N, C-alpha and C. Protein backbone atom coordinates (compact mmCIF):
# COMPACT_ATOMS: atom_id res chain seq x y z
N UNK A 1 228.49 3.41 184.51
CA UNK A 1 228.98 3.38 186.15
C UNK A 1 227.67 2.65 186.81
N UNK A 2 227.97 1.87 187.69
CA UNK A 2 227.11 1.29 188.51
C UNK A 2 226.56 2.22 189.74
N UNK A 3 225.49 1.83 190.34
CA UNK A 3 225.02 2.80 191.23
C UNK A 3 225.86 2.94 192.58
N UNK A 4 226.64 1.92 193.06
CA UNK A 4 227.54 2.04 194.20
C UNK A 4 228.66 3.02 193.78
N UNK A 5 229.22 3.00 192.58
CA UNK A 5 230.34 3.80 192.25
C UNK A 5 229.87 5.23 192.14
N UNK A 6 228.65 5.37 191.61
CA UNK A 6 228.14 6.71 191.57
C UNK A 6 227.73 7.41 192.90
N UNK A 7 227.24 6.66 193.85
CA UNK A 7 227.05 7.07 195.09
C UNK A 7 228.40 7.40 195.81
N UNK A 8 229.38 6.56 195.51
CA UNK A 8 230.68 6.91 196.31
C UNK A 8 231.32 8.13 195.65
N UNK A 9 231.11 8.16 194.27
CA UNK A 9 231.62 9.49 193.63
C UNK A 9 230.74 10.90 194.19
N UNK A 10 229.58 10.55 194.53
CA UNK A 10 228.80 11.83 194.98
C UNK A 10 229.23 12.06 196.41
N UNK A 11 229.49 11.02 197.14
CA UNK A 11 229.66 11.23 198.55
C UNK A 11 231.02 12.15 198.78
N UNK A 12 232.00 11.58 197.82
CA UNK A 12 233.33 12.23 197.98
C UNK A 12 233.52 13.47 197.12
N UNK A 13 232.44 13.91 196.22
CA UNK A 13 232.63 15.00 195.52
C UNK A 13 232.40 16.29 196.12
N UNK A 14 233.15 17.39 195.78
CA UNK A 14 232.74 18.68 196.47
C UNK A 14 231.29 19.06 196.02
N UNK A 15 230.61 19.92 197.00
CA UNK A 15 229.25 20.12 196.61
C UNK A 15 229.07 20.71 195.17
N UNK A 16 229.84 21.61 194.72
CA UNK A 16 229.74 22.11 193.48
C UNK A 16 229.70 21.14 192.16
N UNK A 17 230.34 19.96 192.55
CA UNK A 17 230.49 18.93 191.43
C UNK A 17 229.46 17.78 191.66
N UNK A 18 228.94 17.72 192.83
CA UNK A 18 228.04 16.52 193.33
C UNK A 18 226.81 16.76 192.61
N UNK A 19 226.28 17.74 192.36
CA UNK A 19 225.01 17.82 191.54
C UNK A 19 225.01 17.26 190.24
N UNK A 20 226.28 17.11 189.59
CA UNK A 20 226.24 16.83 188.26
C UNK A 20 225.88 15.12 188.25
N UNK A 21 226.00 14.74 189.46
CA UNK A 21 225.89 13.02 189.41
C UNK A 21 224.38 12.91 189.83
N UNK A 22 223.52 13.94 190.12
CA UNK A 22 222.05 13.66 190.47
C UNK A 22 221.21 12.71 189.45
N UNK A 23 221.29 13.18 188.20
CA UNK A 23 220.39 12.58 187.16
C UNK A 23 221.05 11.04 187.03
N UNK A 24 222.25 10.89 187.12
CA UNK A 24 222.74 9.41 186.80
C UNK A 24 222.35 8.53 187.99
N UNK A 25 222.40 9.12 189.17
CA UNK A 25 221.97 8.29 190.33
C UNK A 25 220.39 8.04 190.17
N UNK A 26 219.64 9.07 189.92
CA UNK A 26 218.21 9.07 190.00
C UNK A 26 217.80 7.99 189.01
N UNK A 27 218.52 7.83 187.87
CA UNK A 27 217.94 7.01 186.92
C UNK A 27 218.00 5.53 187.23
N UNK A 28 218.55 5.25 188.54
CA UNK A 28 218.41 3.95 189.19
C UNK A 28 217.11 3.64 189.82
N UNK A 29 216.32 4.74 189.94
CA UNK A 29 214.78 4.61 190.53
C UNK A 29 214.87 4.24 191.96
N UNK A 30 214.19 3.53 192.48
CA UNK A 30 213.91 3.17 193.90
C UNK A 30 215.28 2.73 194.39
N UNK A 31 216.05 1.93 193.91
CA UNK A 31 217.49 1.81 194.42
C UNK A 31 218.13 2.98 194.81
N UNK A 32 218.14 3.99 193.93
CA UNK A 32 218.64 5.26 194.30
C UNK A 32 218.21 5.89 195.47
N UNK A 33 216.96 5.92 195.58
CA UNK A 33 216.30 6.37 196.80
C UNK A 33 216.86 5.78 198.20
N UNK A 34 216.98 4.39 198.00
CA UNK A 34 217.48 3.62 199.23
C UNK A 34 219.05 3.89 199.42
N UNK A 35 219.60 4.26 198.21
CA UNK A 35 221.12 4.51 198.41
C UNK A 35 221.50 5.94 198.94
N UNK A 36 220.58 6.88 198.87
CA UNK A 36 220.77 8.09 199.31
C UNK A 36 220.11 8.33 200.71
N UNK A 37 219.19 7.46 200.97
CA UNK A 37 218.22 7.74 202.29
C UNK A 37 219.05 7.77 203.42
N UNK A 38 220.06 7.17 203.71
CA UNK A 38 221.11 7.28 205.06
C UNK A 38 221.77 8.75 205.01
N UNK A 39 221.88 9.31 203.97
CA UNK A 39 222.44 10.66 203.93
C UNK A 39 221.39 11.75 204.39
N UNK A 40 220.27 11.38 204.58
CA UNK A 40 219.29 12.55 204.75
C UNK A 40 219.45 13.26 206.15
N UNK A 41 220.30 12.54 207.02
CA UNK A 41 220.61 13.17 208.46
C UNK A 41 221.95 13.69 208.39
N UNK A 42 222.73 13.68 207.20
CA UNK A 42 224.10 14.16 207.02
C UNK A 42 224.12 15.76 206.71
N UNK A 43 224.84 16.66 207.45
CA UNK A 43 224.76 17.90 207.14
C UNK A 43 225.22 18.14 205.66
N UNK A 44 226.38 17.41 205.30
CA UNK A 44 226.98 17.62 204.05
C UNK A 44 226.21 17.12 202.88
N UNK A 45 225.46 16.05 203.10
CA UNK A 45 224.79 15.42 202.02
C UNK A 45 223.30 15.29 201.89
N UNK A 46 222.63 15.80 202.98
CA UNK A 46 221.24 15.70 203.17
C UNK A 46 220.63 16.49 201.73
N UNK A 47 220.98 17.86 201.42
CA UNK A 47 220.35 18.51 200.55
C UNK A 47 220.25 17.74 199.06
N UNK A 48 221.56 17.06 198.82
CA UNK A 48 221.77 16.38 197.60
C UNK A 48 220.68 15.11 197.58
N UNK A 49 220.66 14.53 198.76
CA UNK A 49 219.68 13.27 198.85
C UNK A 49 218.51 13.54 198.59
N UNK A 50 217.73 14.83 199.10
CA UNK A 50 216.47 15.39 198.68
C UNK A 50 216.32 15.50 197.24
N UNK A 51 217.37 16.04 196.70
CA UNK A 51 217.32 16.46 195.21
C UNK A 51 217.15 15.03 194.41
N UNK A 52 218.08 14.05 194.91
CA UNK A 52 217.99 12.77 194.13
C UNK A 52 216.51 12.04 194.22
N UNK A 53 216.08 12.08 195.43
CA UNK A 53 214.80 11.52 195.82
C UNK A 53 213.80 12.27 194.97
N UNK A 54 213.89 13.60 194.93
CA UNK A 54 212.91 14.16 194.18
C UNK A 54 212.93 13.93 192.69
N UNK A 55 214.10 13.77 192.09
CA UNK A 55 214.25 13.49 190.75
C UNK A 55 213.83 12.17 190.35
N UNK A 56 214.02 11.23 191.10
CA UNK A 56 213.24 9.81 191.06
C UNK A 56 211.85 9.93 190.98
N UNK A 57 211.25 10.82 191.92
CA UNK A 57 209.82 10.84 191.83
C UNK A 57 209.37 11.60 190.48
N UNK A 58 210.08 12.50 190.07
CA UNK A 58 209.59 13.21 188.89
C UNK A 58 209.78 12.14 187.69
N UNK A 59 210.76 11.36 187.78
CA UNK A 59 211.13 10.39 186.54
C UNK A 59 210.15 9.06 186.59
N UNK A 60 209.30 9.08 187.51
CA UNK A 60 208.35 7.99 187.43
C UNK A 60 208.02 7.21 188.84
N UNK A 61 208.59 7.63 189.84
CA UNK A 61 208.24 6.99 191.15
C UNK A 61 207.97 7.97 192.17
N UNK A 62 206.82 8.75 191.86
CA UNK A 62 206.35 9.94 192.70
C UNK A 62 205.83 9.47 194.15
N UNK A 63 205.06 8.40 194.00
CA UNK A 63 204.61 7.88 195.17
C UNK A 63 205.61 7.45 196.24
N UNK A 64 206.65 6.65 195.78
CA UNK A 64 207.55 6.25 196.76
C UNK A 64 208.53 7.24 197.23
N UNK A 65 208.86 8.34 196.25
CA UNK A 65 209.55 9.57 196.67
C UNK A 65 208.91 10.40 197.55
N UNK A 66 207.58 10.51 197.66
CA UNK A 66 206.83 11.42 198.41
C UNK A 66 206.95 10.71 199.91
N UNK A 67 206.63 9.29 199.72
CA UNK A 67 206.65 8.62 200.99
C UNK A 67 207.86 8.64 201.66
N UNK A 68 208.98 8.61 201.17
CA UNK A 68 210.17 8.79 201.85
C UNK A 68 210.42 10.04 202.46
N UNK A 69 210.22 10.93 201.53
CA UNK A 69 210.52 12.39 201.88
C UNK A 69 209.77 12.87 203.27
N UNK A 70 208.38 12.44 203.17
CA UNK A 70 207.42 12.69 204.33
C UNK A 70 207.97 12.08 205.64
N UNK A 71 208.38 10.68 205.39
CA UNK A 71 208.81 9.87 206.72
C UNK A 71 210.06 10.51 207.01
N UNK A 72 210.80 10.76 206.28
CA UNK A 72 212.27 11.28 206.81
C UNK A 72 212.42 12.78 207.05
N UNK A 73 211.40 13.47 206.95
CA UNK A 73 211.50 15.02 206.97
C UNK A 73 211.83 15.37 208.44
N UNK A 74 211.57 14.82 209.44
CA UNK A 74 212.10 14.96 210.71
C UNK A 74 213.50 14.69 210.95
N UNK A 75 214.20 13.75 210.09
CA UNK A 75 215.66 13.52 210.21
C UNK A 75 216.48 14.42 209.59
N UNK A 76 216.13 15.39 208.74
CA UNK A 76 216.93 16.18 207.82
C UNK A 76 217.41 17.40 208.79
N UNK A 77 218.61 17.85 208.51
CA UNK A 77 219.12 18.94 209.18
C UNK A 77 218.03 20.14 208.87
N UNK A 78 217.92 21.18 210.00
CA UNK A 78 217.02 22.06 209.95
C UNK A 78 217.02 22.91 208.50
N UNK A 79 218.26 23.16 208.18
CA UNK A 79 218.39 24.02 207.10
C UNK A 79 218.13 23.25 205.68
N UNK A 80 217.56 22.05 205.82
CA UNK A 80 217.23 21.31 204.59
C UNK A 80 215.73 21.02 204.57
N UNK A 81 214.97 21.44 205.67
CA UNK A 81 213.67 21.01 205.66
C UNK A 81 212.83 21.88 204.66
N UNK A 82 213.30 23.03 204.46
CA UNK A 82 212.61 23.75 203.23
C UNK A 82 212.84 23.06 201.92
N UNK A 83 213.90 22.49 201.76
CA UNK A 83 214.23 21.72 200.50
C UNK A 83 213.21 20.52 200.43
N UNK A 84 212.97 19.81 201.53
CA UNK A 84 212.03 18.58 201.53
C UNK A 84 210.68 19.33 201.09
N UNK A 85 210.28 20.33 201.69
CA UNK A 85 209.02 21.01 201.50
C UNK A 85 208.81 21.26 200.07
N UNK A 86 209.99 21.85 199.58
CA UNK A 86 209.77 22.29 198.10
C UNK A 86 209.71 21.10 197.18
N UNK A 87 210.43 19.98 197.56
CA UNK A 87 210.33 18.66 196.61
C UNK A 87 208.93 18.04 196.85
N UNK A 88 208.52 18.02 197.93
CA UNK A 88 207.17 17.57 198.14
C UNK A 88 206.06 18.37 197.22
N UNK A 89 206.23 19.64 197.24
CA UNK A 89 205.32 20.39 196.35
C UNK A 89 205.59 20.05 194.81
N UNK A 90 206.70 19.80 194.37
CA UNK A 90 207.05 19.78 193.05
C UNK A 90 206.63 18.10 192.66
N UNK A 91 206.49 17.30 193.66
CA UNK A 91 206.18 15.84 193.43
C UNK A 91 204.63 15.77 193.41
N UNK A 92 204.06 16.64 194.23
CA UNK A 92 202.61 16.62 194.14
C UNK A 92 202.00 17.34 192.95
N UNK A 93 202.70 18.18 192.27
CA UNK A 93 202.43 18.93 190.97
C UNK A 93 202.61 17.86 189.90
N UNK A 94 203.60 17.02 189.99
CA UNK A 94 203.98 16.04 189.03
C UNK A 94 203.09 14.92 188.94
N UNK A 95 202.39 14.58 189.99
CA UNK A 95 201.35 13.56 190.19
C UNK A 95 200.10 13.93 189.62
N UNK A 96 199.78 15.31 189.36
CA UNK A 96 198.33 15.71 188.94
C UNK A 96 198.37 15.37 187.43
N UNK A 97 197.30 14.83 187.01
CA UNK A 97 197.12 14.38 185.63
C UNK A 97 196.88 15.62 184.98
N UNK A 98 197.53 15.68 183.74
CA UNK A 98 197.49 17.01 182.76
C UNK A 98 196.15 17.34 182.35
N UNK A 99 195.68 18.64 182.60
CA UNK A 99 194.30 18.92 182.35
C UNK A 99 194.05 18.91 180.82
N UNK A 100 192.88 18.26 180.50
CA UNK A 100 192.52 18.21 179.09
C UNK A 100 191.75 19.42 178.74
N UNK A 101 191.83 19.91 177.56
CA UNK A 101 191.18 21.25 177.07
C UNK A 101 189.79 20.81 177.18
N UNK A 102 188.89 21.95 177.63
CA UNK A 102 187.50 21.52 177.66
C UNK A 102 186.99 21.39 176.14
N UNK A 103 186.03 20.44 176.01
CA UNK A 103 185.50 20.11 174.54
C UNK A 103 184.06 20.75 174.61
N UNK A 104 183.62 21.41 173.46
CA UNK A 104 182.51 21.86 173.58
C UNK A 104 181.33 20.80 173.54
N UNK A 105 180.08 21.33 174.16
CA UNK A 105 179.04 20.21 174.50
C UNK A 105 178.59 19.55 173.22
N UNK A 106 178.41 20.53 172.01
CA UNK A 106 178.02 20.03 170.82
C UNK A 106 179.04 20.31 169.93
N UNK A 107 179.30 19.17 169.29
CA UNK A 107 180.49 19.39 168.12
C UNK A 107 180.07 20.39 167.08
N UNK A 108 181.09 21.15 166.66
CA UNK A 108 180.69 22.10 165.57
C UNK A 108 181.05 21.48 164.18
N UNK A 109 179.88 21.44 163.35
CA UNK A 109 179.93 20.96 162.14
C UNK A 109 180.52 22.04 161.10
N UNK A 110 181.33 21.51 160.16
CA UNK A 110 181.95 22.41 159.29
C UNK A 110 180.85 23.38 158.62
N UNK A 111 179.82 22.91 158.35
CA UNK A 111 178.75 23.78 157.63
C UNK A 111 178.31 24.83 158.72
N UNK A 112 178.36 24.63 160.05
CA UNK A 112 177.97 25.61 160.97
C UNK A 112 179.08 26.64 161.18
N UNK A 113 180.18 26.48 160.88
CA UNK A 113 181.25 27.41 161.08
C UNK A 113 180.93 28.70 160.59
N UNK A 114 181.24 29.77 161.26
CA UNK A 114 181.05 31.18 160.71
C UNK A 114 182.45 31.60 160.12
N UNK A 115 182.15 32.14 158.90
CA UNK A 115 183.31 32.83 158.31
C UNK A 115 183.62 34.03 158.98
N UNK A 116 184.88 34.41 158.89
CA UNK A 116 185.22 35.73 159.56
C UNK A 116 184.74 36.90 158.61
N UNK A 117 184.38 37.94 159.35
CA UNK A 117 183.90 38.99 158.64
C UNK A 117 184.85 39.61 157.78
N UNK A 118 184.21 40.04 156.33
CA UNK A 118 185.24 40.47 155.37
C UNK A 118 184.75 42.00 155.15
N UNK A 119 185.66 42.79 154.97
CA UNK A 119 185.62 44.25 154.72
C UNK A 119 185.84 44.52 153.22
N UNK A 120 185.12 45.22 152.64
CA UNK A 120 185.40 45.54 151.27
C UNK A 120 186.35 46.71 151.33
N UNK A 121 186.88 46.99 150.09
CA UNK A 121 187.95 47.87 150.20
C UNK A 121 187.55 49.28 149.86
N UNK A 122 186.14 49.49 149.74
CA UNK A 122 185.55 50.88 149.36
C UNK A 122 185.37 51.51 150.78
N UNK A 123 185.87 52.84 150.74
CA UNK A 123 185.68 53.59 152.03
C UNK A 123 184.47 54.43 151.78
N UNK A 124 183.66 54.50 152.79
CA UNK A 124 182.46 55.11 152.61
C UNK A 124 182.71 56.58 153.28
N UNK A 125 182.16 57.49 152.52
CA UNK A 125 182.33 58.88 152.94
C UNK A 125 181.19 59.52 153.44
N UNK A 126 181.45 60.52 154.33
CA UNK A 126 180.24 61.15 155.14
C UNK A 126 179.79 62.11 153.96
N UNK A 127 178.61 62.34 154.08
CA UNK A 127 177.94 63.36 153.23
C UNK A 127 178.42 64.91 153.92
N UNK A 128 178.61 65.84 153.01
CA UNK A 128 179.06 67.24 153.50
C UNK A 128 178.02 67.94 153.85
């Protein structure tokens, strides 16, 4: 399906079915953001638009998605500002580089590795 058809399908779908189109629309990247941007001030469509923009950001355009959500935050209906804030937090987390495990300062050579302690099977008894 083309983006225009997906957007029209989402616009006319009931809210319970609209979310099923989010990923298909978001797959178009920046054009998807621009396609749903006019919906950010629509009471019926604003929350969906935020979710599409967030998904585009998670899938590879975090800077553009963040920029649009920040600039349009004042336009969204009051009941959707929390969704915008949530999406911005998720995008911020998605932009952080994955933490690399700490490496030891000195590499451990195989001969330096300690063997685990071994216990013999003989039980020591206390003297009586």
